[in-house]
Protein backbone atom coordinates (compact mmCIF):
# COMPACT_ATOMS: atom_id res chain seq x y z
CA UNK A 1 8.82 -9.56 15.84
CA UNK A 2 5.50 -9.06 17.65
CA UNK A 3 2.09 -7.92 16.43
CA UNK A 4 -1.05 -6.36 17.88
CA UNK A 5 -4.24 -4.59 16.76
CA UNK A 6 -4.57 -0.99 17.76
CA UNK A 7 -7.19 1.75 17.33
CA UNK A 8 -6.52 4.90 15.36
CA UNK A 9 -8.53 8.12 15.53
CA UNK A 10 -8.70 10.42 12.42
CA UNK A 11 -9.07 14.21 12.36
CA UNK A 12 -12.86 13.82 11.69
CA UNK A 13 -13.21 11.53 14.71
CA UNK A 14 -13.50 8.19 12.88
CA UNK A 15 -11.97 5.26 14.77
CA UNK A 16 -10.38 2.50 12.73
CA UNK A 17 -8.38 -0.63 13.59
CA UNK A 18 -4.85 -1.18 12.42
CA UNK A 19 -2.64 -4.29 12.45
CA UNK A 20 0.74 -3.31 13.77
CA UNK A 21 3.92 -5.41 13.56
CA UNK A 22 6.86 -4.39 15.75
CA UNK A 23 10.43 -5.21 14.81
CA UNK A 24 13.03 -6.56 17.23
CA UNK A 25 15.22 -3.69 18.52
CA UNK A 26 15.09 -0.05 17.49
CA UNK A 27 12.98 0.52 14.28
CA UNK A 28 14.65 1.89 11.21
CA UNK A 29 11.51 3.98 10.59
CA UNK A 30 7.86 3.47 9.99
CA UNK A 31 6.06 1.90 7.04
CA UNK A 32 2.30 2.04 6.46
CA UNK A 33 0.82 -0.84 4.46
CA UNK A 34 -2.36 -0.19 2.49
CA UNK A 35 -4.69 -3.10 1.59
CA UNK A 36 -6.12 -4.37 -1.59
CA UNK A 37 -9.82 -4.04 -2.30
CA UNK A 38 -10.40 -7.29 -0.34
CA UNK A 39 -9.82 -5.83 3.08
CA UNK A 40 -7.16 -6.39 5.77
CA UNK A 41 -6.43 -9.96 4.54
CA UNK A 42 -3.95 -12.46 5.75
CA UNK A 43 -1.77 -11.54 2.81
CA UNK A 44 -1.63 -7.90 3.85
CA UNK A 45 -0.93 -8.84 7.44
CA UNK A 46 1.85 -11.05 6.14
CA UNK A 47 3.31 -8.26 4.13
CA UNK A 48 3.17 -6.04 7.24
CA UNK A 49 5.08 -8.70 9.10
CA UNK A 50 7.69 -8.80 6.46
CA UNK A 51 8.43 -5.10 6.79
CA UNK A 52 8.79 -5.50 10.54
CA UNK A 53 11.15 -8.35 10.01
CA UNK A 54 13.14 -5.98 7.85
CA UNK A 55 13.37 -3.66 10.84
CA UNK A 56 10.50 -1.22 10.49
CA UNK A 57 7.47 -0.44 12.61
CA UNK A 58 4.75 -1.58 10.15
CA UNK A 59 1.10 -0.32 10.33
CA UNK A 60 -1.76 -1.67 8.20
CA UNK A 61 -4.92 0.38 8.70
CA UNK A 62 -8.28 -1.29 8.14
CA UNK A 63 -9.37 1.06 5.46
CA UNK A 64 -12.87 -0.57 5.01
CA UNK A 65 -13.73 0.33 8.66
CA UNK A 66 -15.42 3.43 7.21
CA UNK A 67 -18.03 1.08 5.72
CA UNK A 68 -18.07 -1.84 8.23
CA UNK A 69 -15.73 -3.36 10.69
CA UNK A 70 -13.79 -6.55 9.92
CA UNK A 71 -14.52 -6.74 6.25
CA UNK A 72 -12.35 -9.33 4.62
CA UNK A 73 -13.47 -10.81 1.25
CA UNK A 74 -12.37 -13.76 -0.67
CA UNK A 75 -10.27 -13.11 -3.83
CA UNK A 76 -12.98 -14.69 -5.96
CA UNK A 77 -15.55 -12.13 -4.67
CA UNK A 78 -14.38 -9.32 -6.95
CA UNK A 79 -17.74 -7.61 -7.45
CA UNK A 80 -18.37 -7.29 -3.75
CA UNK A 81 -14.84 -6.03 -3.21
CA UNK A 82 -15.15 -3.37 -5.93
CA UNK A 83 -18.57 -2.39 -4.55
CA UNK A 84 -17.16 -1.89 -1.11
CA UNK A 85 -14.24 0.17 -2.36
CA UNK A 86 -16.65 2.38 -4.44
CA UNK A 87 -18.40 3.36 -1.15
CA UNK A 88 -15.32 5.02 0.21
CA UNK A 89 -14.77 8.84 0.08
CA UNK A 90 -11.29 9.64 -1.28
CA UNK A 91 -10.62 12.43 1.28
CA UNK A 92 -11.72 10.24 4.15
CA UNK A 93 -9.25 7.54 2.96
CA UNK A 94 -6.54 10.22 3.04
CA UNK A 95 -7.48 10.96 6.66
CA UNK A 96 -7.28 7.23 7.60
CA UNK A 97 -3.83 7.04 5.96
CA UNK A 98 -2.71 10.21 7.80
CA UNK A 99 -3.72 8.66 11.12
CA UNK A 100 -1.67 5.58 10.33
CA UNK A 101 1.26 7.68 9.24
CA UNK A 102 1.22 9.65 12.40
CA UNK A 103 1.13 6.46 14.49
CA UNK A 104 4.10 5.07 12.42
CA UNK A 105 6.06 8.38 12.85
CA UNK A 106 6.95 7.33 16.38
CA UNK A 107 9.68 5.23 14.70
CA UNK A 108 11.11 8.03 12.62
CA UNK A 109 10.64 8.82 8.90
CA UNK A 110 7.59 7.12 7.35
CA UNK A 111 7.09 5.34 4.07
CA UNK A 112 3.94 3.88 2.60
CA UNK A 113 3.40 0.83 0.42
CA UNK A 114 0.18 -0.37 -1.06
CA UNK A 115 -1.15 -3.16 -3.28
CA UNK A 116 -3.89 -2.98 -5.92
CA UNK A 117 -6.30 -0.20 -4.74
CA UNK A 118 -3.83 0.45 -1.95
CA UNK A 119 -1.05 0.96 -4.55
CA UNK A 120 -2.98 3.90 -5.83
CA UNK A 121 -3.70 5.08 -2.25
CA UNK A 122 0.05 4.98 -1.66
CA UNK A 123 0.53 7.40 -4.57
CA UNK A 124 -2.25 9.63 -3.26
CA UNK A 125 -0.62 9.75 0.19
CA UNK A 126 2.52 10.89 -1.48
CA UNK A 127 0.55 13.66 -3.25
CA UNK A 128 -0.77 14.78 0.13
CA UNK A 129 2.68 15.09 1.65
CA UNK A 130 2.07 12.38 4.27
CA UNK A 131 5.20 10.36 3.85
CA UNK A 132 8.91 10.52 3.02
CA UNK A 133 8.74 7.75 0.35
CA UNK A 134 6.06 5.68 -1.35
CA UNK A 135 5.87 2.35 -3.18
CA UNK A 136 2.83 1.50 -5.35
CA UNK A 137 2.12 -2.10 -6.47
CA UNK A 138 -0.18 -2.45 -9.40
CA UNK A 139 -2.26 0.67 -8.61
CA UNK A 140 -4.55 1.56 -11.57
CA UNK A 141 -6.57 4.44 -9.96
CA UNK A 142 -3.42 6.67 -9.93
CA UNK A 143 -4.40 7.60 -13.51
CA UNK A 144 -7.46 9.43 -12.11
CA UNK A 145 -5.50 12.13 -10.30
CA UNK A 146 -2.42 12.72 -12.50
CA UNK A 147 -2.93 16.48 -12.01
CA UNK A 148 -1.70 15.88 -8.53
CA UNK A 149 2.00 15.51 -7.89
CA UNK A 150 3.85 13.50 -5.23
CA UNK A 151 5.94 15.52 -2.75
CA UNK A 152 8.45 12.52 -2.16
CA UNK A 153 10.14 9.81 -4.14
CA UNK A 154 7.74 7.12 -5.40
CA UNK A 155 8.45 3.63 -6.86
CA UNK A 156 5.82 2.01 -9.07
CA UNK A 157 5.62 -1.77 -9.72
CA UNK A 158 3.41 -3.12 -12.59
CA UNK A 159 2.94 -6.48 -14.25
CA UNK A 160 3.47 -6.84 -17.95
CA UNK A 161 0.40 -9.06 -18.56
CA UNK A 162 -1.94 -7.22 -16.16
CA UNK A 163 -5.23 -6.98 -18.12
CA UNK A 164 -6.68 -4.66 -15.45
CA UNK A 165 -3.80 -2.17 -16.03
CA UNK A 166 -2.82 -2.25 -19.77
CA UNK A 167 0.54 -0.91 -20.91
CA UNK A 168 -1.18 2.28 -22.28
CA UNK A 169 -2.43 3.12 -18.80
CA UNK A 170 1.04 2.52 -17.34
CA UNK A 171 2.51 4.76 -19.91
CA UNK A 172 0.07 7.55 -19.02
CA UNK A 173 1.19 7.31 -15.41
CA UNK A 174 4.77 7.10 -16.43
CA UNK A 175 4.54 10.30 -18.39
CA UNK A 176 3.12 12.29 -15.47
CA UNK A 177 5.21 10.72 -12.73
CA UNK A 178 8.94 11.23 -12.35
CA UNK A 179 9.40 8.22 -10.06
CA UNK A 180 10.85 4.85 -10.87
CA UNK A 181 8.48 2.56 -12.85
CA UNK A 182 9.25 -1.13 -13.08
CA UNK A 183 7.21 -3.41 -15.34
CA UNK A 184 7.76 -7.07 -14.39
CA UNK A 185 7.88 -9.48 -17.25
CA UNK A 186 5.27 -12.31 -17.31
CA UNK A 187 3.68 -10.87 -14.12
CA UNK A 188 -0.12 -10.30 -13.75
CA UNK A 189 -2.20 -8.25 -11.38
CA UNK A 190 -1.64 -9.33 -7.78
CA UNK A 191 1.66 -10.98 -8.47
CA UNK A 192 2.90 -10.41 -4.91
CA UNK A 193 0.02 -12.34 -3.30
CA UNK A 194 0.65 -16.07 -2.54
CA UNK A 195 -3.09 -16.55 -2.06
CA UNK A 196 -3.95 -15.61 -5.72
CA UNK A 197 -3.43 -17.66 -8.87
CA UNK A 198 -1.51 -14.75 -10.31
CA UNK A 199 1.26 -15.11 -7.71
CA UNK A 200 4.70 -14.84 -9.40
CA UNK A 201 7.43 -15.87 -6.95
CA UNK A 202 10.34 -14.33 -8.87
CA UNK A 203 8.55 -11.00 -9.45
CA UNK A 204 7.42 -10.91 -5.81
CA UNK A 205 10.83 -11.59 -4.37
CA UNK A 206 12.76 -9.28 -6.81
CA UNK A 207 10.27 -6.40 -6.37
CA UNK A 208 10.38 -6.71 -2.58
CA UNK A 209 14.21 -6.47 -2.72
CA UNK A 210 13.96 -3.25 -4.73
CA UNK A 211 11.25 -1.98 -2.39
CA UNK A 212 13.35 -2.48 0.66
CA UNK A 213 16.36 -0.89 -0.96
CA UNK A 214 14.20 2.07 -1.85
CA UNK A 215 12.94 2.49 1.66
CA UNK A 216 16.42 2.06 3.01
CA UNK A 217 17.65 4.82 0.91
CA UNK A 218 14.88 7.38 1.64
CA UNK A 219 13.88 6.54 5.23
CA UNK A 220 17.48 6.44 6.59
């Protein structure tokens, strides 16, 4: 596996960075990885590497470049992270994801996976017909656009003890979405991130196994 940083240009002329991880040999397809509200962190780059190691061309766009280049926040700096995310225009974020998907399409069919805010963005990308499959990890904002509908299969991962996304919110999403919804027992928000206190090794490993199986099925 090798990695590099590239520049992507959106339809409105915005230029953003993207971390790209290349697999060894011919890619199985492309996967776009969408960040949490903390920026293009080491965790997100590490997840991008994992998808490359699984055989995909993996692309993680720097979604905060719309606000300022190279924004990476500490996981304890939640207020600043939410404030930065709130400055983003939803349709501009869709354009940023589209540019990343077009880059990843050089490898074949494209899937998208996101974490936290990025989990909701992955659902939004699916609603805008940008990808062939999507995986959403603990995305709460999906509840804000349930009148939109994905055009491809979507898999949703949530934590059972996530106070940021109570079970009632998950149930609302589940009623409006026909995709797979998995609620992981004893798992909190951010359970996939080794850099957070909420990291849950079993849920992280088992959910990744299902995610790779899902992409393997729909990107083949």
